[in-house]
Amino acid sequence: MKKTIAQISLVLSLLIALPTSGLTAEKSVDKDTRCAVCGMFVAKYPNWVVSLTMADGETKYFDGVKDMMVFYFSPQKYGAKAGATITAISATDYYTLKPVDAKKAFYVLGSDINGPMGHEFIPFADKSAAEAFSKDHQGKGVVTFEAITAEQVETMRSGQRMK
């Protein structure tokens, strides 16, 4: 019995010590920074933060991949200058909480895990991790960045727009 209590205590202390975010850039997100698409406060959701850097050096922040994709498909609608170029996109790997190049990531569709705004594209740096997550969480598939369509994004946003 004493050994079991000690083991439970050790596990709980390790869980409490886990970091909530491994993203370097996102740690500097000001508490007042809002998602460029929905207007939610980004810093409240450190495990979901996505950043997008424009060629002029401006960085846009989002509370999930879904909202970043909304911006990606219609940047001028959300304040980007006409002809503006996106130079980098960083997403948060769901398991490691580390930044990943969003264009090289793998995304789980239709899982039973929701982001801050409901249905979400769940990002992973590793395809096998994405496939395992999809299997464990009733995902409907794993896709690459290039395979995500504006239609998929709009379907996922149905009834969830804030702005």
N, C-alpha and C. Protein backbone atom coordinates (compact mmCIF):
# COMPACT_ATOMS: atom_id res chain seq x y z
N MET A 1 0.82 -1.19 0.00
CA MET A 1 0.00 0.00 0.00
C MET A 1 0.87 1.26 0.00
N LYS A 2 1.90 1.30 0.87
CA LYS A 2 2.77 2.46 0.94
C LYS A 2 3.50 2.67 -0.38
N LYS A 3 3.89 1.57 -1.02
CA LYS A 3 4.60 1.67 -2.29
C LYS A 3 3.66 2.24 -3.35
N THR A 4 2.41 1.84 -3.38
CA THR A 4 1.44 2.33 -4.35
C THR A 4 1.21 3.82 -4.18
N ILE A 5 1.06 4.28 -2.95
CA ILE A 5 0.85 5.70 -2.69
C ILE A 5 2.08 6.50 -3.14
N ALA A 6 3.26 5.98 -2.87
CA ALA A 6 4.49 6.65 -3.29
C ALA A 6 4.56 6.72 -4.81
N GLN A 7 4.17 5.65 -5.49
CA GLN A 7 4.19 5.64 -6.96
C GLN A 7 3.19 6.65 -7.51
N ILE A 8 2.00 6.71 -6.94
CA ILE A 8 0.99 7.67 -7.39
C ILE A 8 1.48 9.09 -7.16
N SER A 9 2.09 9.34 -6.03
CA SER A 9 2.63 10.67 -5.73
C SER A 9 3.70 11.07 -6.73
N LEU A 10 4.57 10.13 -7.08
CA LEU A 10 5.62 10.41 -8.05
C LEU A 10 5.02 10.75 -9.40
N VAL A 11 4.06 9.98 -9.86
CA VAL A 11 3.42 10.24 -11.16
C VAL A 11 2.74 11.60 -11.16
N LEU A 12 2.01 11.91 -10.10
CA LEU A 12 1.33 13.20 -10.02
C LEU A 12 2.33 14.36 -10.02
N SER A 13 3.42 14.22 -9.30
CA SER A 13 4.40 15.30 -9.28
C SER A 13 5.06 15.49 -10.64
N LEU A 14 5.27 14.40 -11.37
CA LEU A 14 5.84 14.51 -12.71
C LEU A 14 4.85 15.18 -13.66
N LEU A 15 3.58 14.84 -13.55
CA LEU A 15 2.56 15.46 -14.41
C LEU A 15 2.45 16.95 -14.14
N ILE A 16 2.51 17.35 -12.90
CA ILE A 16 2.44 18.76 -12.55
C ILE A 16 3.64 19.52 -13.09
N ALA A 17 4.78 18.85 -13.16
CA ALA A 17 6.01 19.50 -13.62
C ALA A 17 6.10 19.62 -15.14
N LEU A 18 5.21 18.96 -15.88
CA LEU A 18 5.27 19.03 -17.34
C LEU A 18 5.06 20.45 -17.82
N PRO A 19 5.82 20.88 -18.85
CA PRO A 19 5.62 22.23 -19.37
C PRO A 19 4.30 22.33 -20.12
N THR A 20 3.70 23.52 -20.10
CA THR A 20 2.44 23.70 -20.82
C THR A 20 2.69 24.13 -22.26
N SER A 21 3.87 24.59 -22.58
CA SER A 21 4.15 24.98 -23.95
C SER A 21 5.64 24.89 -24.21
N GLY A 22 6.00 24.27 -25.33
CA GLY A 22 7.39 24.18 -25.70
C GLY A 22 7.76 25.19 -26.77
N LEU A 23 6.86 26.08 -27.14
CA LEU A 23 7.11 27.01 -28.22
C LEU A 23 7.88 28.22 -27.74
N THR A 24 9.00 28.46 -28.38
CA THR A 24 9.80 29.60 -28.01
C THR A 24 9.11 30.90 -28.41
N ALA A 25 8.70 31.00 -29.68
CA ALA A 25 8.09 32.24 -30.16
C ALA A 25 6.80 32.55 -29.41
N GLU A 26 6.00 31.54 -29.15
CA GLU A 26 4.70 31.76 -28.54
C GLU A 26 4.79 32.12 -27.07
N LYS A 27 5.89 31.81 -26.42
CA LYS A 27 6.04 32.21 -25.02
C LYS A 27 6.05 33.73 -24.92
N SER A 28 6.44 34.40 -26.00
CA SER A 28 6.51 35.86 -25.97
C SER A 28 5.20 36.51 -26.43
N VAL A 29 4.18 35.71 -26.70
CA VAL A 29 2.90 36.27 -27.11
C VAL A 29 2.33 37.07 -25.93
N ASP A 30 2.09 38.32 -26.18
CA ASP A 30 1.53 39.19 -25.17
C ASP A 30 0.13 38.72 -24.79
N LYS A 31 -0.23 38.87 -23.54
CA LYS A 31 -1.53 38.40 -23.07
C LYS A 31 -2.69 39.09 -23.79
N ASP A 32 -2.45 40.24 -24.39
CA ASP A 32 -3.50 40.97 -25.10
C ASP A 32 -3.54 40.67 -26.60
N THR A 33 -2.63 39.80 -27.09
CA THR A 33 -2.61 39.47 -28.51
C THR A 33 -3.83 38.64 -28.86
N ARG A 34 -4.49 39.06 -29.92
CA ARG A 34 -5.71 38.37 -30.36
C ARG A 34 -5.46 37.61 -31.65
N CYS A 35 -6.21 36.53 -31.83
CA CYS A 35 -6.17 35.77 -33.06
C CYS A 35 -6.54 36.69 -34.21
N ALA A 36 -5.77 36.65 -35.27
CA ALA A 36 -6.00 37.52 -36.43
C ALA A 36 -7.31 37.21 -37.15
N VAL A 37 -7.93 36.08 -36.86
CA VAL A 37 -9.18 35.70 -37.53
C VAL A 37 -10.38 35.82 -36.60
N CYS A 38 -10.35 35.18 -35.44
CA CYS A 38 -11.55 35.12 -34.59
C CYS A 38 -11.55 36.15 -33.46
N GLY A 39 -10.39 36.71 -33.14
CA GLY A 39 -10.32 37.73 -32.10
C GLY A 39 -10.12 37.20 -30.68
N MET A 40 -10.04 35.88 -30.50
CA MET A 40 -9.81 35.33 -29.16
C MET A 40 -8.40 35.67 -28.69
N PHE A 41 -8.20 35.71 -27.37
CA PHE A 41 -6.88 35.95 -26.82
C PHE A 41 -6.02 34.70 -26.99
N VAL A 42 -4.95 34.81 -27.75
CA VAL A 42 -4.11 33.68 -28.13
C VAL A 42 -3.35 33.10 -26.94
N ALA A 43 -2.85 33.94 -26.06
CA ALA A 43 -2.02 33.47 -24.94
C ALA A 43 -2.78 32.55 -23.99
N LYS A 44 -4.11 32.59 -24.01
CA LYS A 44 -4.90 31.70 -23.16
C LYS A 44 -4.81 30.24 -23.60
N TYR A 45 -4.34 30.01 -24.81
CA TYR A 45 -4.31 28.65 -25.38
C TYR A 45 -2.91 28.33 -25.90
N PRO A 46 -1.90 28.29 -25.02
CA PRO A 46 -0.52 28.12 -25.47
C PRO A 46 -0.27 26.80 -26.21
N ASN A 47 -1.05 25.78 -25.95
CA ASN A 47 -0.83 24.49 -26.62
C ASN A 47 -1.39 24.47 -28.04
N TRP A 48 -2.09 25.52 -28.43
CA TRP A 48 -2.72 25.57 -29.75
C TRP A 48 -2.18 26.69 -30.62
N VAL A 49 -1.28 27.52 -30.10
CA VAL A 49 -0.82 28.70 -30.81
C VAL A 49 -0.13 28.35 -32.14
N VAL A 50 -0.51 29.12 -33.14
CA VAL A 50 0.12 29.05 -34.46
C VAL A 50 0.58 30.46 -34.79
N SER A 51 1.77 30.58 -35.36
CA SER A 51 2.25 31.89 -35.78
C SER A 51 2.56 31.86 -37.27
N LEU A 52 2.33 32.99 -37.89
CA LEU A 52 2.54 33.12 -39.33
C LEU A 52 3.32 34.41 -39.52
N THR A 53 4.46 34.33 -40.19
CA THR A 53 5.32 35.50 -40.40
C THR A 53 5.23 35.95 -41.85
N MET A 54 5.04 37.24 -42.01
CA MET A 54 4.95 37.84 -43.34
C MET A 54 6.34 38.33 -43.76
N ALA A 55 6.53 38.54 -45.06
CA ALA A 55 7.82 38.99 -45.58
C ALA A 55 8.26 40.32 -44.99
N ASP A 56 7.31 41.17 -44.60
CA ASP A 56 7.66 42.47 -44.01
C ASP A 56 8.03 42.35 -42.54
N GLY A 57 8.05 41.12 -42.01
CA GLY A 57 8.44 40.87 -40.62
C GLY A 57 7.27 40.83 -39.64
N GLU A 58 6.09 41.20 -40.09
CA GLU A 58 4.92 41.15 -39.21
C GLU A 58 4.55 39.70 -38.91
N THR A 59 4.22 39.43 -37.65
CA THR A 59 3.80 38.09 -37.25
C THR A 59 2.35 38.14 -36.83
N LYS A 60 1.57 37.22 -37.37
CA LYS A 60 0.16 37.06 -37.01
C LYS A 60 0.08 35.83 -36.12
N TYR A 61 -0.80 35.88 -35.13
CA TYR A 61 -0.99 34.75 -34.24
C TYR A 61 -2.43 34.24 -34.33
N PHE A 62 -2.56 32.93 -34.07
CA PHE A 62 -3.86 32.28 -34.18
C PHE A 62 -4.03 31.30 -33.03
N ASP A 63 -5.27 31.01 -32.67
CA ASP A 63 -5.55 30.08 -31.58
C ASP A 63 -5.78 28.66 -32.10
N GLY A 64 -5.26 28.35 -33.26
CA GLY A 64 -5.33 27.01 -33.82
C GLY A 64 -5.05 27.03 -35.31
N VAL A 65 -4.78 25.85 -35.85
CA VAL A 65 -4.47 25.71 -37.27
C VAL A 65 -5.64 26.15 -38.14
N LYS A 66 -6.85 25.83 -37.71
CA LYS A 66 -8.04 26.15 -38.50
C LYS A 66 -8.11 27.64 -38.82
N ASP A 67 -7.95 28.49 -37.80
CA ASP A 67 -8.01 29.93 -38.04
C ASP A 67 -6.83 30.41 -38.87
N MET A 68 -5.66 29.81 -38.68
CA MET A 68 -4.52 30.18 -39.51
C MET A 68 -4.82 29.86 -40.97
N MET A 69 -5.47 28.72 -41.22
CA MET A 69 -5.80 28.34 -42.60
C MET A 69 -6.83 29.31 -43.20
N VAL A 70 -7.75 29.80 -42.39
CA VAL A 70 -8.71 30.80 -42.87
C VAL A 70 -7.93 32.01 -43.38
N PHE A 71 -6.97 32.47 -42.58
CA PHE A 71 -6.12 33.60 -42.97
C PHE A 71 -5.32 33.25 -44.22
N TYR A 72 -4.73 32.06 -44.24
CA TYR A 72 -3.88 31.62 -45.35
C TYR A 72 -4.63 31.67 -46.68
N PHE A 73 -5.89 31.26 -46.68
CA PHE A 73 -6.66 31.25 -47.92
C PHE A 73 -7.21 32.63 -48.30
N SER A 74 -7.33 33.56 -47.35
CA SER A 74 -7.87 34.91 -47.63
C SER A 74 -7.16 35.97 -46.80
N PRO A 75 -5.86 36.15 -46.99
CA PRO A 75 -5.11 37.05 -46.11
C PRO A 75 -5.59 38.51 -46.15
N GLN A 76 -5.98 39.02 -47.31
CA GLN A 76 -6.42 40.41 -47.38
C GLN A 76 -7.69 40.65 -46.57
N LYS A 77 -8.54 39.64 -46.48
CA LYS A 77 -9.77 39.76 -45.70
C LYS A 77 -9.48 40.02 -44.22
N TYR A 78 -8.28 39.62 -43.77
CA TYR A 78 -7.92 39.75 -42.36
C TYR A 78 -6.75 40.71 -42.14
N GLY A 79 -6.62 41.68 -43.04
CA GLY A 79 -5.69 42.77 -42.81
C GLY A 79 -4.33 42.69 -43.46
N ALA A 80 -4.03 41.63 -44.20
CA ALA A 80 -2.74 41.56 -44.89
C ALA A 80 -2.78 42.47 -46.11
N LYS A 81 -1.65 43.07 -46.41
CA LYS A 81 -1.56 43.94 -47.58
C LYS A 81 -1.65 43.10 -48.85
N ALA A 82 -2.25 43.67 -49.88
CA ALA A 82 -2.34 42.98 -51.17
C ALA A 82 -0.93 42.61 -51.63
N GLY A 83 -0.77 41.38 -52.07
CA GLY A 83 0.53 40.91 -52.55
C GLY A 83 1.49 40.51 -51.45
N ALA A 84 1.07 40.58 -50.19
CA ALA A 84 1.94 40.21 -49.08
C ALA A 84 2.32 38.74 -49.18
N THR A 85 3.55 38.44 -48.81
CA THR A 85 4.06 37.09 -48.89
C THR A 85 4.24 36.50 -47.49
N ILE A 86 3.84 35.26 -47.34
CA ILE A 86 4.03 34.53 -46.08
C ILE A 86 5.38 33.84 -46.17
N THR A 87 6.24 34.06 -45.17
CA THR A 87 7.57 33.46 -45.20
C THR A 87 7.73 32.26 -44.28
N ALA A 88 6.91 32.17 -43.23
CA ALA A 88 7.03 31.03 -42.30
C ALA A 88 5.72 30.85 -41.54
N ILE A 89 5.42 29.58 -41.25
CA ILE A 89 4.26 29.26 -40.42
C ILE A 89 4.70 28.20 -39.42
N SER A 90 4.45 28.46 -38.15
CA SER A 90 4.81 27.53 -37.10
C SER A 90 3.55 27.09 -36.36
N ALA A 91 3.38 25.79 -36.22
CA ALA A 91 2.25 25.22 -35.48
C ALA A 91 2.81 24.48 -34.27
N THR A 92 1.94 24.14 -33.34
CA THR A 92 2.35 23.42 -32.14
C THR A 92 2.04 21.94 -32.30
N ASP A 93 3.07 21.10 -32.25
CA ASP A 93 2.86 19.65 -32.31
C ASP A 93 2.01 19.24 -31.11
N TYR A 94 0.95 18.50 -31.36
CA TYR A 94 0.00 18.18 -30.30
C TYR A 94 0.63 17.37 -29.16
N TYR A 95 1.51 16.43 -29.50
CA TYR A 95 2.11 15.59 -28.45
C TYR A 95 3.31 16.24 -27.77
N THR A 96 4.22 16.80 -28.55
CA THR A 96 5.46 17.33 -27.96
C THR A 96 5.34 18.78 -27.50
N LEU A 97 4.33 19.50 -27.99
CA LEU A 97 4.13 20.92 -27.71
C LEU A 97 5.31 21.76 -28.18
N LYS A 98 6.04 21.25 -29.17
CA LYS A 98 7.16 21.99 -29.75
C LYS A 98 6.73 22.57 -31.09
N PRO A 99 7.39 23.65 -31.50
CA PRO A 99 7.03 24.24 -32.79
C PRO A 99 7.44 23.33 -33.94
N VAL A 100 6.58 23.29 -34.94
CA VAL A 100 6.88 22.53 -36.16
C VAL A 100 6.59 23.44 -37.35
N ASP A 101 7.31 23.21 -38.42
CA ASP A 101 7.04 23.91 -39.66
C ASP A 101 5.68 23.43 -40.14
N ALA A 102 4.71 24.32 -40.13
CA ALA A 102 3.33 23.93 -40.45
C ALA A 102 3.20 23.35 -41.85
N LYS A 103 4.05 23.78 -42.77
CA LYS A 103 3.96 23.28 -44.15
C LYS A 103 4.52 21.85 -44.27
N LYS A 104 5.26 21.41 -43.27
CA LYS A 104 5.82 20.05 -43.29
C LYS A 104 5.09 19.12 -42.32
N ALA A 105 4.13 19.65 -41.60
CA ALA A 105 3.42 18.87 -40.57
C ALA A 105 2.35 17.97 -41.20
N PHE A 106 1.84 17.07 -40.36
CA PHE A 106 0.74 16.17 -40.72
C PHE A 106 -0.42 16.52 -39.81
N TYR A 107 -1.63 16.52 -40.36
CA TYR A 107 -2.80 16.99 -39.63
C TYR A 107 -3.87 15.91 -39.57
N VAL A 108 -4.40 15.70 -38.37
CA VAL A 108 -5.49 14.76 -38.18
C VAL A 108 -6.80 15.54 -38.35
N LEU A 109 -7.68 14.97 -39.15
CA LEU A 109 -9.00 15.55 -39.40
C LEU A 109 -10.07 14.80 -38.62
N GLY A 110 -11.06 15.53 -38.14
CA GLY A 110 -12.26 14.92 -37.58
C GLY A 110 -12.10 14.09 -36.33
N SER A 111 -11.12 14.41 -35.49
CA SER A 111 -10.93 13.62 -34.27
C SER A 111 -11.94 14.04 -33.19
N ASP A 112 -11.92 13.33 -32.08
CA ASP A 112 -12.79 13.67 -30.96
C ASP A 112 -12.17 14.71 -30.02
N ILE A 113 -11.05 15.29 -30.42
CA ILE A 113 -10.39 16.33 -29.64
C ILE A 113 -10.70 17.68 -30.28
N ASN A 114 -11.17 18.61 -29.46
CA ASN A 114 -11.48 19.94 -29.95
C ASN A 114 -10.42 20.93 -29.50
N GLY A 115 -10.22 21.97 -30.31
CA GLY A 115 -9.35 23.07 -29.96
C GLY A 115 -10.18 24.17 -29.31
N PRO A 116 -9.59 25.34 -29.12
CA PRO A 116 -10.30 26.44 -28.48
C PRO A 116 -11.58 26.86 -29.22
N MET A 117 -11.62 26.63 -30.52
CA MET A 117 -12.79 27.01 -31.31
C MET A 117 -13.53 25.79 -31.86
N GLY A 118 -13.46 24.68 -31.16
CA GLY A 118 -14.19 23.48 -31.60
C GLY A 118 -13.34 22.58 -32.49
N HIS A 119 -13.93 22.09 -33.57
CA HIS A 119 -13.23 21.18 -34.48
C HIS A 119 -11.91 21.82 -34.91
N GLU A 120 -10.87 20.99 -34.98
CA GLU A 120 -9.55 21.53 -35.27
C GLU A 120 -8.71 20.55 -36.07
N PHE A 121 -7.80 21.10 -36.86
CA PHE A 121 -6.76 20.31 -37.52
C PHE A 121 -5.70 20.09 -36.46
N ILE A 122 -5.42 18.84 -36.10
CA ILE A 122 -4.46 18.54 -35.02
C ILE A 122 -3.09 18.29 -35.65
N PRO A 123 -2.09 19.16 -35.38
CA PRO A 123 -0.78 19.06 -36.04
C PRO A 123 0.22 18.15 -35.34
N PHE A 124 1.00 17.47 -36.18
CA PHE A 124 2.08 16.59 -35.72
C PHE A 124 3.27 16.73 -36.65
N ALA A 125 4.47 16.70 -36.10
CA ALA A 125 5.68 16.72 -36.92
C ALA A 125 5.91 15.37 -37.58
N ASP A 126 5.44 14.31 -36.92
CA ASP A 126 5.71 12.94 -37.35
C ASP A 126 4.42 12.27 -37.86
N LYS A 127 4.48 11.71 -39.05
CA LYS A 127 3.30 11.07 -39.64
C LYS A 127 2.81 9.88 -38.82
N SER A 128 3.72 9.09 -38.28
CA SER A 128 3.29 7.93 -37.50
C SER A 128 2.58 8.36 -36.21
N ALA A 129 3.01 9.46 -35.61
CA ALA A 129 2.32 9.98 -34.43
C ALA A 129 0.91 10.45 -34.80
N ALA A 130 0.79 11.10 -35.95
CA ALA A 130 -0.52 11.56 -36.42
C ALA A 130 -1.44 10.37 -36.68
N GLU A 131 -0.91 9.33 -37.29
CA GLU A 131 -1.72 8.14 -37.58
C GLU A 131 -2.16 7.44 -36.30
N ALA A 132 -1.27 7.35 -35.32
CA ALA A 132 -1.62 6.72 -34.04
C ALA A 132 -2.68 7.55 -33.32
N PHE A 133 -2.52 8.87 -33.32
CA PHE A 133 -3.50 9.75 -32.71
C PHE A 133 -4.86 9.60 -33.40
N SER A 134 -4.84 9.58 -34.72
CA SER A 134 -6.08 9.44 -35.49
C SER A 134 -6.81 8.15 -35.11
N LYS A 135 -6.06 7.08 -34.97
CA LYS A 135 -6.65 5.79 -34.60
C LYS A 135 -7.24 5.85 -33.18
N ASP A 136 -6.50 6.46 -32.27
CA ASP A 136 -6.93 6.53 -30.87
C ASP A 136 -8.08 7.50 -30.63
N HIS A 137 -8.24 8.48 -31.53
CA HIS A 137 -9.22 9.54 -31.29
C HIS A 137 -10.24 9.68 -32.42
N GLN A 138 -10.57 8.57 -33.05
CA GLN A 138 -11.62 8.51 -34.07
C GLN A 138 -11.43 9.52 -35.19
N GLY A 139 -10.17 9.76 -35.57
CA GLY A 139 -9.88 10.68 -36.67
C GLY A 139 -10.41 10.13 -37.98
N LYS A 140 -10.66 11.03 -38.91
CA LYS A 140 -11.17 10.64 -40.21
C LYS A 140 -10.08 10.64 -41.28
N GLY A 141 -8.84 10.86 -40.85
CA GLY A 141 -7.73 10.83 -41.79
C GLY A 141 -6.60 11.74 -41.37
N VAL A 142 -5.47 11.56 -42.06
CA VAL A 142 -4.28 12.36 -41.85
C VAL A 142 -3.93 13.00 -43.19
N VAL A 143 -3.72 14.31 -43.19
CA VAL A 143 -3.40 15.03 -44.42
C VAL A 143 -2.18 15.91 -44.22
N THR A 144 -1.60 16.33 -45.33
CA THR A 144 -0.49 17.29 -45.30
C THR A 144 -1.06 18.69 -45.44
N PHE A 145 -0.24 19.67 -45.22
CA PHE A 145 -0.65 21.08 -45.33
C PHE A 145 -1.25 21.35 -46.71
N GLU A 146 -0.54 20.90 -47.74
CA GLU A 146 -0.98 21.16 -49.12
C GLU A 146 -2.33 20.53 -49.44
N ALA A 147 -2.70 19.49 -48.72
CA ALA A 147 -3.97 18.79 -49.00
C ALA A 147 -5.17 19.46 -48.33
N ILE A 148 -4.94 20.39 -47.42
CA ILE A 148 -6.05 21.07 -46.74
C ILE A 148 -6.66 22.07 -47.72
N THR A 149 -7.97 22.01 -47.85
CA THR A 149 -8.67 22.90 -48.78
C THR A 149 -9.48 23.95 -48.03
N ALA A 150 -9.77 25.04 -48.72
CA ALA A 150 -10.61 26.09 -48.14
C ALA A 150 -11.98 25.53 -47.78
N GLU A 151 -12.47 24.60 -48.57
CA GLU A 151 -13.78 23.99 -48.30
C GLU A 151 -13.77 23.20 -46.99
N GLN A 152 -12.69 22.45 -46.75
CA GLN A 152 -12.57 21.71 -45.48
C GLN A 152 -12.57 22.67 -44.31
N VAL A 153 -11.84 23.75 -44.45
CA VAL A 153 -11.73 24.74 -43.38
C VAL A 153 -13.11 25.33 -43.09
N GLU A 154 -13.82 25.72 -44.12
CA GLU A 154 -15.15 26.32 -43.92
C GLU A 154 -16.13 25.32 -43.30
N THR A 155 -16.03 24.07 -43.68
CA THR A 155 -16.89 23.04 -43.09
C THR A 155 -16.62 22.92 -41.60
N MET A 156 -15.35 22.94 -41.22
CA MET A 156 -14.98 22.84 -39.80
C MET A 156 -15.41 24.07 -39.01
N ARG A 157 -15.50 25.22 -39.68
CA ARG A 157 -15.87 26.46 -39.00
C ARG A 157 -17.37 26.64 -38.88
N SER A 158 -18.13 25.83 -39.52
CA SER A 158 -19.57 26.00 -39.55
C SER A 158 -20.14 26.23 -38.16
N GLY A 159 -20.80 27.36 -37.98
CA GLY A 159 -21.42 27.70 -36.71
C GLY A 159 -20.47 28.17 -35.63
N GLN A 160 -19.19 28.39 -35.95
CA GLN A 160 -18.20 28.74 -34.93
C GLN A 160 -17.53 30.07 -35.15
N ARG A 161 -17.98 30.86 -36.10
CA ARG A 161 -17.33 32.13 -36.38
C ARG A 161 -17.57 33.13 -35.25
N MET A 162 -16.52 33.87 -34.91
CA MET A 162 -16.64 34.89 -33.86
C MET A 162 -16.48 36.28 -34.45
N LYS A 163 -15.89 36.38 -35.64
CA LYS A 163 -15.57 37.70 -36.19
C LYS A 163 -16.12 37.81 -37.60
